């Protein structure tokens, strides 16, 4: 498996194999805690070789520095 793109952004959309990514960011600044972000997307493009053909299962976890889950995992 090759990870071609993996980014947190304001908006992402797949349009017939063409991936549109708007507003990539790696941090969120805030003046108060807890903070919310009105909307964001996780954009990823993974490429598998022919020998990796078949079903694949993924789980995304959002964790803090102490490895505590911030939201339930997305499978």
Protein backbone atom coordinates (compact mmCIF):
# COMPACT_ATOMS: atom_id res chain seq x y z
CA UNK A 1 0.00 0.00 0.00
CA UNK A 2 1.22 3.47 -0.86
CA UNK A 3 -0.19 6.57 0.86
CA UNK A 4 -0.40 9.23 -1.83
CA UNK A 5 -2.37 11.83 0.17
CA UNK A 6 -3.37 12.01 3.84
CA UNK A 7 -4.43 15.46 5.05
CA UNK A 8 -6.88 17.32 7.26
CA UNK A 9 -8.61 20.07 5.30
CA UNK A 10 -11.61 22.37 5.11
CA UNK A 11 -13.18 20.47 2.20
CA UNK A 12 -12.46 17.40 0.08
CA UNK A 13 -14.36 15.80 -2.76
CA UNK A 14 -13.75 12.94 -5.18
CA UNK A 15 -15.04 13.75 -8.63
CA UNK A 16 -14.58 10.75 -10.89
CA UNK A 17 -11.10 9.94 -9.61
CA UNK A 18 -10.02 13.58 -9.41
CA UNK A 19 -9.47 14.55 -5.76
CA UNK A 20 -10.22 18.19 -4.87
CA UNK A 21 -8.68 19.37 -1.57
CA UNK A 22 -9.30 22.87 -0.19
CA UNK A 23 -7.65 24.45 2.84
CA UNK A 24 -5.17 21.86 4.15
CA UNK A 25 -4.08 22.51 7.74
CA UNK A 26 -2.09 20.79 10.49
CA UNK A 27 -3.22 22.73 13.55
CA UNK A 28 -6.21 24.64 14.86
CA UNK A 29 -5.64 27.83 16.84
CA UNK A 30 -8.12 28.84 19.50
CA UNK A 31 -8.51 31.32 22.35
CA UNK A 32 -10.62 28.97 24.47
CA UNK A 33 -10.87 25.28 25.30
CA UNK A 34 -12.82 23.24 24.40
CA UNK A 35 -12.65 24.39 20.81
CA UNK A 36 -14.75 23.43 17.84
CA UNK A 37 -14.09 23.61 14.13
CA UNK A 38 -17.25 24.18 12.07
CA UNK A 39 -16.38 21.63 9.41
CA UNK A 40 -13.39 19.63 8.25
CA UNK A 41 -12.56 16.64 6.11
CA UNK A 42 -9.94 13.94 6.20
CA UNK A 43 -8.74 13.42 2.63
CA UNK A 44 -6.77 10.32 1.82
CA UNK A 45 -5.76 8.47 -1.32
CA UNK A 46 -4.28 5.01 -0.93
CA UNK A 47 -2.89 2.98 -3.82
CA UNK A 48 -2.63 -0.79 -3.71
CA UNK A 49 -0.55 -3.00 -5.97
CA UNK A 50 -2.06 -5.87 -7.90
CA UNK A 51 -0.73 -8.39 -5.36
CA UNK A 52 -2.72 -6.56 -2.64
CA UNK A 53 -6.05 -7.13 -4.42
CA UNK A 54 -8.97 -7.87 -2.09
CA UNK A 55 -10.91 -6.36 0.78
CA UNK A 56 -9.18 -4.04 3.23
CA UNK A 57 -10.39 -2.74 6.59
CA UNK A 58 -9.40 0.63 8.07
CA UNK A 59 -9.91 2.38 11.39
CA UNK A 60 -9.19 6.09 11.95
CA UNK A 61 -8.64 7.27 15.51
CA UNK A 62 -8.27 10.84 16.74
CA UNK A 63 -6.11 10.81 19.87
CA UNK A 64 -4.39 13.39 22.07
CA UNK A 65 -0.77 13.46 23.26
CA UNK A 66 -1.58 11.00 26.07
CA UNK A 67 -3.13 8.59 23.50
CA UNK A 68 -6.67 9.23 24.82
CA UNK A 69 -9.34 8.92 22.10
CA UNK A 70 -11.06 12.23 21.49
CA UNK A 71 -13.92 10.81 19.41
CA UNK A 72 -15.08 7.24 18.71
CA UNK A 73 -13.02 5.49 15.99
CA UNK A 74 -14.24 5.68 12.39
CA UNK A 75 -14.20 2.30 10.67
